[in-house]
Amino acid sequence: MNNTQSIHQQTVELIDNLKSVCANYGLGNDGNEFKIITTFNNKEIIDDFQYSSLLCRDFLGL
């Protein structure tokens, strides 16, 4: 399995876990479930980007 497929599979598992938590707390199939999952995914993307930026910055010596 290449890296892209691995990341995709991990993302799908993460979303499924978040949906499960939302369903357990009564937010399943609700607009708030969408907001929670979207916010969490956006935070993960931003954190990954910031970490990658720091690595590039350190590599370039900036």
Protein backbone atom coordinates (compact mmCIF):
# COMPACT_ATOMS: atom_id res chain seq x y z
CA MET A 1 0.00 0.00 0.00
CA ASN A 2 1.53 3.29 -0.98
CA ASN A 3 1.62 6.36 1.22
CA THR A 4 -1.37 8.09 -0.40
CA GLN A 5 -3.61 5.06 0.09
CA SER A 6 -2.42 4.76 3.69
CA ILE A 7 -3.26 8.40 4.41
CA HIS A 8 -6.64 7.99 2.73
CA GLN A 9 -7.42 4.88 4.80
CA GLN A 10 -6.37 6.63 8.04
CA THR A 11 -8.55 9.62 7.18
CA VAL A 12 -11.56 7.41 6.50
CA GLU A 13 -11.02 5.60 9.82
CA LEU A 14 -10.70 8.92 11.64
CA ILE A 15 -13.96 10.21 10.15
CA ASP A 16 -15.72 6.94 11.00
CA ASN A 17 -14.48 7.20 14.59
CA LEU A 18 -15.65 10.81 14.84
CA LYS A 19 -19.07 9.82 13.45
CA SER A 20 -19.27 7.06 16.04
CA VAL A 21 -18.49 9.48 18.87
CA CYS A 22 -21.08 11.93 17.55
CA ALA A 23 -23.69 9.17 17.33
CA ASN A 24 -22.91 8.03 20.90
CA TYR A 25 -23.57 11.55 22.18
CA GLY A 26 -26.78 12.08 20.20
CA LEU A 27 -25.36 14.16 17.37
CA GLY A 28 -25.57 11.52 14.65
CA ASN A 29 -27.08 12.61 11.32
CA ASP A 30 -27.27 16.17 12.57
CA GLY A 31 -25.85 19.40 11.17
CA ASN A 32 -23.62 19.66 14.21
CA GLU A 33 -22.00 16.33 13.34
CA PHE A 34 -20.93 17.82 10.01
CA LYS A 35 -19.54 20.91 11.77
CA ILE A 36 -17.55 18.82 14.25
CA ILE A 37 -16.01 16.58 11.60
CA THR A 38 -15.25 19.46 9.24
CA THR A 39 -13.67 21.54 12.01
CA PHE A 40 -11.55 18.65 13.19
CA ASN A 41 -10.38 17.79 9.66
CA ASN A 42 -9.53 21.42 8.92
CA LYS A 43 -7.53 21.63 12.14
CA GLU A 44 -5.62 18.46 11.19
CA ILE A 45 -4.84 19.85 7.72
CA ILE A 46 -3.63 23.15 9.15
CA ASP A 47 -1.49 21.41 11.79
CA ASP A 48 0.07 19.15 9.14
CA PHE A 49 0.79 22.14 6.92
CA GLN A 50 2.41 24.06 9.76
CA TYR A 51 4.57 21.08 10.70
CA SER A 52 5.65 20.58 7.07
CA SER A 53 6.43 24.29 6.81
CA LEU A 54 8.65 24.10 9.89
CA LEU A 55 10.51 21.11 8.44
CA CYS A 56 11.08 22.95 5.15
CA ARG A 57 12.17 26.06 7.00
CA ASP A 58 14.67 24.11 9.07
CA PHE A 59 15.91 22.27 5.98
CA LEU A 60 16.44 25.53 4.11
CA GLY A 61 18.03 27.20 7.13
CA LEU A 62 15.59 30.10 7.25
